[in-house]
């Protein structure tokens, strides 16, 4: 169970956090809402989500980079 207040506020079925990396998974609408929540919380802290480092597998949200499942990684380590 995540112990970071931001992570605890998210509803995605899959929720992994390590240092400044977060992985979300689940229904598209839930993940999209969680991403928007992260963006808003970061903005309130004076930070910006670096979308050039964001990857999305299966569907598109905002300007995330689309990555084939076989080429995906977390964080930086190949999943397949």
N, C-alpha and C. Protein backbone atom coordinates (compact mmCIF):
# COMPACT_ATOMS: atom_id res chain seq x y z
N UNK A 1 0.84 -1.18 0.00
CA UNK A 1 0.00 0.00 0.00
C UNK A 1 0.89 1.25 0.00
N UNK A 2 0.63 2.17 -0.92
CA UNK A 2 1.46 3.38 -0.95
C UNK A 2 1.31 4.20 0.32
N UNK A 3 2.38 4.86 0.73
CA UNK A 3 2.32 5.69 1.92
C UNK A 3 2.51 7.16 1.61
N UNK A 4 2.64 7.50 0.37
CA UNK A 4 2.71 8.89 -0.04
C UNK A 4 1.28 9.43 -0.18
N UNK A 5 0.99 10.61 0.38
CA UNK A 5 -0.38 11.16 0.31
C UNK A 5 -0.91 11.28 -1.12
N UNK A 6 -0.06 11.67 -2.08
CA UNK A 6 -0.52 11.76 -3.46
C UNK A 6 -0.91 10.38 -3.98
N UNK A 7 -0.05 9.40 -3.77
CA UNK A 7 -0.35 8.05 -4.25
C UNK A 7 -1.58 7.48 -3.57
N UNK A 8 -1.75 7.76 -2.30
CA UNK A 8 -2.93 7.27 -1.58
C UNK A 8 -4.23 7.87 -2.11
N UNK A 9 -4.15 9.03 -2.77
CA UNK A 9 -5.35 9.68 -3.28
C UNK A 9 -5.78 9.17 -4.65
N UNK A 10 -4.97 8.31 -5.28
CA UNK A 10 -5.26 7.83 -6.63
C UNK A 10 -6.10 6.55 -6.58
N UNK A 11 -6.82 6.28 -7.68
CA UNK A 11 -7.77 5.16 -7.72
C UNK A 11 -7.42 4.07 -8.72
N UNK A 12 -6.33 4.18 -9.46
CA UNK A 12 -5.96 3.17 -10.44
C UNK A 12 -5.77 1.81 -9.76
N UNK A 13 -6.13 0.74 -10.50
CA UNK A 13 -5.98 -0.61 -9.96
C UNK A 13 -4.52 -0.97 -9.76
N UNK A 14 -3.67 -0.58 -10.70
CA UNK A 14 -2.24 -0.80 -10.59
C UNK A 14 -1.60 0.52 -10.21
N UNK A 15 -0.87 0.52 -9.13
CA UNK A 15 -0.24 1.75 -8.64
C UNK A 15 1.12 1.40 -8.07
N UNK A 16 2.17 1.79 -8.80
CA UNK A 16 3.54 1.54 -8.37
C UNK A 16 4.27 2.87 -8.30
N UNK A 17 4.96 3.11 -7.24
CA UNK A 17 5.74 4.33 -7.11
C UNK A 17 7.13 4.00 -6.61
N UNK A 18 8.14 4.59 -7.26
CA UNK A 18 9.53 4.40 -6.85
C UNK A 18 10.26 5.71 -7.12
N UNK A 19 10.75 6.34 -6.07
CA UNK A 19 11.39 7.65 -6.16
C UNK A 19 10.46 8.62 -6.89
N UNK A 20 10.85 9.11 -8.06
CA UNK A 20 9.98 10.06 -8.77
C UNK A 20 9.26 9.40 -9.95
N UNK A 21 9.24 8.06 -9.98
CA UNK A 21 8.55 7.33 -11.05
C UNK A 21 7.24 6.75 -10.52
N UNK A 22 6.20 6.86 -11.32
CA UNK A 22 4.90 6.30 -10.96
C UNK A 22 4.37 5.51 -12.15
N UNK A 23 3.82 4.34 -11.88
CA UNK A 23 3.17 3.53 -12.90
C UNK A 23 1.73 3.34 -12.48
N UNK A 24 0.81 3.64 -13.40
CA UNK A 24 -0.62 3.50 -13.15
C UNK A 24 -1.19 2.53 -14.17
N UNK A 25 -2.19 1.75 -13.78
CA UNK A 25 -2.85 0.85 -14.70
C UNK A 25 -4.27 0.60 -14.26
N UNK A 26 -5.12 0.35 -15.23
CA UNK A 26 -6.53 0.07 -14.94
C UNK A 26 -7.41 0.61 -16.04
N UNK A 27 -8.65 0.88 -15.70
CA UNK A 27 -9.59 1.42 -16.68
C UNK A 27 -9.11 2.77 -17.18
N UNK A 28 -9.28 2.98 -18.47
CA UNK A 28 -8.79 4.19 -19.10
C UNK A 28 -9.28 5.45 -18.40
N UNK A 29 -10.56 5.51 -18.07
CA UNK A 29 -11.10 6.72 -17.45
C UNK A 29 -10.50 6.97 -16.07
N UNK A 30 -10.24 5.90 -15.32
CA UNK A 30 -9.67 6.04 -13.97
C UNK A 30 -8.22 6.50 -14.07
N UNK A 31 -7.44 5.88 -14.96
CA UNK A 31 -6.04 6.27 -15.13
C UNK A 31 -5.95 7.71 -15.62
N UNK A 32 -6.81 8.09 -16.56
CA UNK A 32 -6.81 9.47 -17.07
C UNK A 32 -7.11 10.46 -15.95
N UNK A 33 -8.06 10.13 -15.09
CA UNK A 33 -8.39 11.01 -13.95
C UNK A 33 -7.21 11.09 -12.99
N UNK A 34 -6.56 9.96 -12.73
CA UNK A 34 -5.41 9.96 -11.83
C UNK A 34 -4.25 10.78 -12.41
N UNK A 35 -4.01 10.68 -13.71
CA UNK A 35 -2.95 11.47 -14.34
C UNK A 35 -3.25 12.96 -14.18
N UNK A 36 -4.50 13.34 -14.39
CA UNK A 36 -4.88 14.74 -14.23
C UNK A 36 -4.68 15.19 -12.78
N UNK A 37 -4.98 14.32 -11.83
CA UNK A 37 -4.77 14.63 -10.41
C UNK A 37 -3.28 14.86 -10.13
N UNK A 38 -2.43 13.99 -10.67
CA UNK A 38 -0.98 14.13 -10.48
C UNK A 38 -0.51 15.46 -11.06
N UNK A 39 -0.97 15.79 -12.26
CA UNK A 39 -0.60 17.05 -12.90
C UNK A 39 -0.99 18.24 -12.03
N UNK A 40 -2.20 18.21 -11.47
CA UNK A 40 -2.69 19.32 -10.65
C UNK A 40 -1.92 19.43 -9.34
N UNK A 41 -1.63 18.30 -8.70
CA UNK A 41 -0.88 18.33 -7.44
C UNK A 41 0.53 18.85 -7.69
N UNK A 42 1.16 18.38 -8.76
CA UNK A 42 2.50 18.87 -9.09
C UNK A 42 2.48 20.37 -9.36
N UNK A 43 1.47 20.83 -10.10
CA UNK A 43 1.36 22.26 -10.41
C UNK A 43 1.24 23.07 -9.13
N UNK A 44 0.44 22.58 -8.18
CA UNK A 44 0.29 23.28 -6.90
C UNK A 44 1.59 23.34 -6.11
N UNK A 45 2.49 22.41 -6.38
CA UNK A 45 3.80 22.38 -5.71
C UNK A 45 4.86 23.15 -6.51
N UNK A 46 4.45 23.72 -7.64
CA UNK A 46 5.39 24.45 -8.48
C UNK A 46 6.19 23.54 -9.39
N UNK A 47 5.71 22.31 -9.61
CA UNK A 47 6.40 21.34 -10.45
C UNK A 47 5.57 21.05 -11.70
N UNK A 48 6.20 20.45 -12.70
CA UNK A 48 5.53 20.12 -13.95
C UNK A 48 5.85 18.68 -14.32
N UNK A 49 4.83 17.91 -14.72
CA UNK A 49 5.05 16.55 -15.19
C UNK A 49 5.83 16.60 -16.50
N UNK A 50 6.94 15.89 -16.57
CA UNK A 50 7.76 15.87 -17.78
C UNK A 50 7.19 14.82 -18.73
N UNK A 51 6.26 15.26 -19.60
CA UNK A 51 5.58 14.32 -20.48
C UNK A 51 6.52 13.69 -21.51
N UNK A 52 7.69 14.30 -21.75
CA UNK A 52 8.63 13.68 -22.69
C UNK A 52 9.21 12.39 -22.13
N UNK A 53 9.09 12.17 -20.81
CA UNK A 53 9.57 10.94 -20.20
C UNK A 53 8.44 9.98 -19.85
N UNK A 54 7.20 10.37 -20.17
CA UNK A 54 6.04 9.52 -19.87
C UNK A 54 5.80 8.54 -21.01
N UNK A 55 5.46 7.32 -20.66
CA UNK A 55 5.14 6.30 -21.65
C UNK A 55 3.74 5.80 -21.38
N UNK A 56 3.07 5.43 -22.45
CA UNK A 56 1.71 4.94 -22.34
C UNK A 56 1.58 3.67 -23.16
N UNK A 57 1.05 2.64 -22.56
CA UNK A 57 0.85 1.38 -23.24
C UNK A 57 -0.64 1.19 -23.46
N UNK A 58 -1.09 1.01 -24.68
CA UNK A 58 -2.43 0.66 -25.11
C UNK A 58 -3.29 1.84 -25.50
N UNK A 59 -3.37 2.91 -24.74
CA UNK A 59 -4.22 4.03 -25.14
C UNK A 59 -3.50 5.35 -24.92
N UNK A 60 -4.01 6.42 -25.51
CA UNK A 60 -3.32 7.69 -25.52
C UNK A 60 -3.98 8.69 -24.56
N UNK A 61 -3.17 9.33 -23.72
CA UNK A 61 -3.60 10.42 -22.84
C UNK A 61 -2.68 11.59 -23.11
N UNK A 62 -3.25 12.72 -23.39
CA UNK A 62 -2.50 13.95 -23.62
C UNK A 62 -1.36 13.71 -24.60
N UNK A 63 -0.16 14.06 -24.26
CA UNK A 63 0.95 13.95 -25.20
C UNK A 63 1.96 12.88 -24.80
N UNK A 64 1.50 11.84 -24.11
CA UNK A 64 2.39 10.75 -23.73
C UNK A 64 2.92 10.05 -24.98
N UNK A 65 4.09 9.52 -24.88
CA UNK A 65 4.71 8.77 -25.96
C UNK A 65 4.09 7.37 -26.02
N UNK A 66 3.63 6.95 -27.20
CA UNK A 66 3.07 5.60 -27.35
C UNK A 66 4.21 4.61 -27.56
N UNK A 67 4.22 3.53 -26.78
CA UNK A 67 5.28 2.54 -26.81
C UNK A 67 4.67 1.16 -27.02
N UNK A 68 5.26 0.39 -27.93
CA UNK A 68 4.80 -0.99 -28.10
C UNK A 68 5.07 -1.76 -26.82
N UNK A 69 4.16 -2.67 -26.48
CA UNK A 69 4.29 -3.43 -25.24
C UNK A 69 5.64 -4.12 -25.16
N UNK A 70 6.13 -4.66 -26.25
CA UNK A 70 7.41 -5.38 -26.24
C UNK A 70 8.60 -4.47 -26.03
N UNK A 71 8.42 -3.16 -26.19
CA UNK A 71 9.51 -2.19 -26.01
C UNK A 71 9.34 -1.36 -24.75
N UNK A 72 8.35 -1.69 -23.91
CA UNK A 72 8.09 -0.90 -22.71
C UNK A 72 9.12 -1.20 -21.63
N UNK A 73 9.26 -0.28 -20.68
CA UNK A 73 10.22 -0.45 -19.59
C UNK A 73 9.70 0.20 -18.33
N UNK A 74 10.24 -0.21 -17.18
CA UNK A 74 9.90 0.40 -15.89
C UNK A 74 11.11 0.36 -15.00
N UNK A 75 11.47 1.43 -14.40
CA UNK A 75 11.91 2.64 -15.05
C UNK A 75 13.26 2.37 -15.68
N UNK A 76 13.30 2.34 -16.95
CA UNK A 76 14.52 2.11 -17.71
C UNK A 76 14.91 0.66 -17.89
N UNK A 77 14.23 -0.27 -17.18
CA UNK A 77 14.53 -1.69 -17.32
C UNK A 77 13.47 -2.33 -18.21
N UNK A 78 13.86 -3.06 -19.25
CA UNK A 78 12.88 -3.69 -20.14
C UNK A 78 11.93 -4.62 -19.38
N UNK A 79 10.64 -4.58 -19.74
CA UNK A 79 9.67 -5.48 -19.13
C UNK A 79 9.62 -6.82 -19.84
N UNK A 80 10.04 -6.85 -21.12
CA UNK A 80 9.98 -8.08 -21.91
C UNK A 80 11.32 -8.38 -22.53
